[in-house]
Each structure stands twice: as C-alpha cells, then as structure tokens.
Amino acid sequence: MNLNILNKHMKEIRNWSLEGSSIVKEQSFANFKEALEFVNKVGEIAEKHRHHPDFVISYNVVKLSLTTHSVHDLTEKDFDVARDIDNLSK
C-alpha cells in the first residue's frame, strides 16, 4: 500500500498500530464474557465485509489483527473493517 494512503488511513482509525503488513488492536474488557461478546460482534462485521481478522483472546484481552492474506499486504478492506470495529466502541 502506498505510504501516503497508509498514513491517511492510520489517522482514521483509533488505537490501531502497524505491525509489518497488518494493523493490530488490543482491547481490554472487565471479564472473559465481555471479551467474547466483543469478538462475536466483530465476527458479524467480518461476515458483512467478507473479510476476517485474526483473533487472540486471553481472558479479558482481545488482540485483533487485520491484513489481506491474498496479497500479503494491507488493502482498503482492512481499514473498512477496522473503522466498523471502532464504531462498536461509540
């Protein structure tokens, strides 16, 4: 992805970091149940976009990672999904 476009998109999403060819977000919750409910909501977003993040759940912490595996890089789809995930917190 072009560096200028990448920088523009990174400014549009909240609390995501760039790790290689992925954007990553870690979010904490009060307990495992809340973390799992969040993951299920993210799953609905992923299905809507037909673009699925990788998840790691560690009790009350969820780590999400988005990349477009077919091109081994970030695409517009990754940022579309990230924005919708950010809207869950509003």
C-alpha atoms as a PDB file:
ATOM      1  CA  MET A   1       0.000   0.000   0.000  1.00  0.00           C
ATOM      2  CA  ASN A   2       1.233   3.467  -0.860  1.00  0.00           C
ATOM      3  CA  LEU A   3       2.763   5.189   2.189  1.00  0.00           C
ATOM      4  CA  ASN A   4       0.635   8.354   1.811  1.00  0.00           C
ATOM      5  CA  ILE A   5      -2.569   6.315   1.641  1.00  0.00           C
ATOM      6  CA  LEU A   6      -1.417   4.183   4.573  1.00  0.00           C
ATOM      7  CA  ASN A   7      -0.746   7.264   6.725  1.00  0.00           C
ATOM      8  CA  LYS A   8      -4.147   8.736   5.810  1.00  0.00           C
ATOM      9  CA  HIS A   9      -5.932   5.526   6.799  1.00  0.00           C
ATOM     10  CA  MET A  10      -3.969   5.141  10.050  1.00  0.00           C
ATOM     11  CA  LYS A  11      -5.219   8.593  11.115  1.00  0.00           C
ATOM     12  CA  GLU A  12      -8.824   7.488  10.525  1.00  0.00           C
ATOM     13  CA  ILE A  13      -8.749   4.541  12.932  1.00  0.00           C
ATOM     14  CA  ARG A  14      -8.417   4.605  16.721  1.00  0.00           C
ATOM     15  CA  ASN A  15      -5.801   2.735  18.753  1.00  0.00           C
ATOM     16  CA  TRP A  16      -4.551   0.516  15.938  1.00  0.00           C
ATOM     17  CA  SER A  17      -0.847   0.012  15.329  1.00  0.00           C
ATOM     18  CA  LEU A  18       1.054  -1.040  12.265  1.00  0.00           C
ATOM     19  CA  GLU A  19       2.890  -4.355  12.656  1.00  0.00           C
ATOM     20  CA  GLY A  20       4.534  -5.440   9.418  1.00  0.00           C
ATOM     21  CA  SER A  21       1.790  -5.838   6.833  1.00  0.00           C
ATOM     22  CA  SER A  22      -1.005  -5.877   9.441  1.00  0.00           C
ATOM     23  CA  ILE A  23      -2.904  -3.421  11.571  1.00  0.00           C
ATOM     24  CA  VAL A  24      -3.344  -4.565  15.162  1.00  0.00           C
ATOM     25  CA  LYS A  25      -5.589  -3.501  18.017  1.00  0.00           C
ATOM     26  CA  GLU A  26      -5.640  -4.754  21.589  1.00  0.00           C
ATOM     27  CA  GLN A  27      -8.655  -4.096  23.760  1.00  0.00           C
ATOM     28  CA  SER A  28      -9.302  -4.945  27.418  1.00  0.00           C
ATOM     29  CA  PHE A  29     -12.633  -5.823  28.995  1.00  0.00           C
ATOM     30  CA  ALA A  30     -13.927  -6.382  32.516  1.00  0.00           C
ATOM     31  CA  ASN A  31     -14.038 -10.156  32.085  1.00  0.00           C
ATOM     32  CA  PHE A  32     -13.965 -13.053  29.626  1.00  0.00           C
ATOM     33  CA  LYS A  33     -17.701 -12.833  28.881  1.00  0.00           C
ATOM     34  CA  GLU A  34     -17.411  -9.220  27.703  1.00  0.00           C
ATOM     35  CA  ALA A  35     -14.338 -10.063  25.628  1.00  0.00           C
ATOM     36  CA  LEU A  36     -16.185 -12.920  23.957  1.00  0.00           C
ATOM     37  CA  GLU A  37     -19.249 -10.742  23.282  1.00  0.00           C
ATOM     38  CA  PHE A  38     -16.946  -8.226  21.564  1.00  0.00           C
ATOM     39  CA  VAL A  39     -15.381 -10.978  19.437  1.00  0.00           C
ATOM     40  CA  ASN A  40     -18.858 -12.125  18.373  1.00  0.00           C
ATOM     41  CA  LYS A  41     -19.782  -8.573  17.327  1.00  0.00           C
ATOM     42  CA  VAL A  42     -16.540  -8.325  15.366  1.00  0.00           C
ATOM     43  CA  GLY A  43     -17.440 -11.644  13.739  1.00  0.00           C
ATOM     44  CA  GLU A  44     -20.691 -10.128  12.467  1.00  0.00           C
ATOM     45  CA  ILE A  45     -18.761  -7.202  10.987  1.00  0.00           C
ATOM     46  CA  ALA A  46     -16.274  -9.587   9.387  1.00  0.00           C
ATOM     47  CA  GLU A  47     -19.051 -11.610   7.790  1.00  0.00           C
ATOM     48  CA  LYS A  48     -20.696  -8.439   6.457  1.00  0.00           C
ATOM     49  CA  HIS A  49     -17.423  -7.401   4.811  1.00  0.00           C
ATOM     50  CA  ARG A  50     -16.389 -10.970   3.918  1.00  0.00           C
ATOM     51  CA  HIS A  51     -13.014 -10.079   5.416  1.00  0.00           C
ATOM     52  CA  HIS A  52     -11.909 -11.763   8.615  1.00  0.00           C
ATOM     53  CA  PRO A  53      -9.414 -10.696  11.287  1.00  0.00           C
ATOM     54  CA  ASP A  54      -7.209 -12.980  13.292  1.00  0.00           C
ATOM     55  CA  PHE A  55      -8.127 -13.068  16.993  1.00  0.00           C
ATOM     56  CA  VAL A  56      -6.249 -13.848  20.175  1.00  0.00           C
ATOM     57  CA  ILE A  57      -8.308 -13.928  23.374  1.00  0.00           C
ATOM     58  CA  SER A  58      -6.504 -14.009  26.683  1.00  0.00           C
ATOM     59  CA  TYR A  59      -9.123 -13.946  29.432  1.00  0.00           C
ATOM     60  CA  ASN A  60     -10.267 -10.291  29.236  1.00  0.00           C
ATOM     61  CA  VAL A  61      -7.964  -9.037  26.461  1.00  0.00           C
ATOM     62  CA  VAL A  62      -8.687  -9.345  22.752  1.00  0.00           C
ATOM     63  CA  LYS A  63      -5.990  -8.764  20.175  1.00  0.00           C
ATOM     64  CA  LEU A  64      -7.184  -8.293  16.591  1.00  0.00           C
ATOM     65  CA  SER A  65      -5.003  -8.377  13.515  1.00  0.00           C
ATOM     66  CA  LEU A  66      -6.123  -7.383  10.030  1.00  0.00           C
ATOM     67  CA  THR A  67      -4.311  -7.963   6.757  1.00  0.00           C
ATOM     68  CA  THR A  68      -5.293  -9.129   3.309  1.00  0.00           C
ATOM     69  CA  HIS A  69      -3.718 -12.559   3.179  1.00  0.00           C
ATOM     70  CA  SER A  70      -4.226 -12.986  -0.564  1.00  0.00           C
ATOM     71  CA  VAL A  71      -1.904 -10.039  -1.321  1.00  0.00           C
ATOM     72  CA  HIS A  72       0.272 -10.247   1.835  1.00  0.00           C
ATOM     73  CA  ASP A  73      -0.366  -6.547   2.473  1.00  0.00           C
ATOM     74  CA  LEU A  74      -2.941  -4.069   3.696  1.00  0.00           C
ATOM     75  CA  THR A  75      -5.838  -3.067   1.476  1.00  0.00           C
ATOM     76  CA  GLU A  76      -8.840  -0.762   1.736  1.00  0.00           C
ATOM     77  CA  LYS A  77     -10.858  -3.706   3.104  1.00  0.00           C
ATOM     78  CA  ASP A  78      -8.673  -3.898   6.204  1.00  0.00           C
ATOM     79  CA  PHE A  79      -9.337  -0.269   7.029  1.00  0.00           C
ATOM     80  CA  ASP A  80     -13.069  -0.564   6.265  1.00  0.00           C
ATOM     81  CA  VAL A  81     -13.328  -3.407   8.784  1.00  0.00           C
ATOM     82  CA  ALA A  82     -11.176  -1.519  11.328  1.00  0.00           C
ATOM     83  CA  ARG A  83     -13.454   1.546  11.117  1.00  0.00           C
ATOM     84  CA  ASP A  84     -16.542  -0.608  11.698  1.00  0.00           C
ATOM     85  CA  ILE A  85     -14.840  -2.274  14.674  1.00  0.00           C
ATOM     86  CA  ASP A  86     -14.004   1.165  16.062  1.00  0.00           C
ATOM     87  CA  ASN A  87     -17.691   2.100  15.775  1.00  0.00           C
ATOM     88  CA  LEU A  88     -18.551  -0.672  18.246  1.00  0.00           C
ATOM     89  CA  SER A  89     -16.938   1.439  20.966  1.00  0.00           C
ATOM     90  CA  LYS A  90     -19.014   4.554  20.298  1.00  0.00           C
END
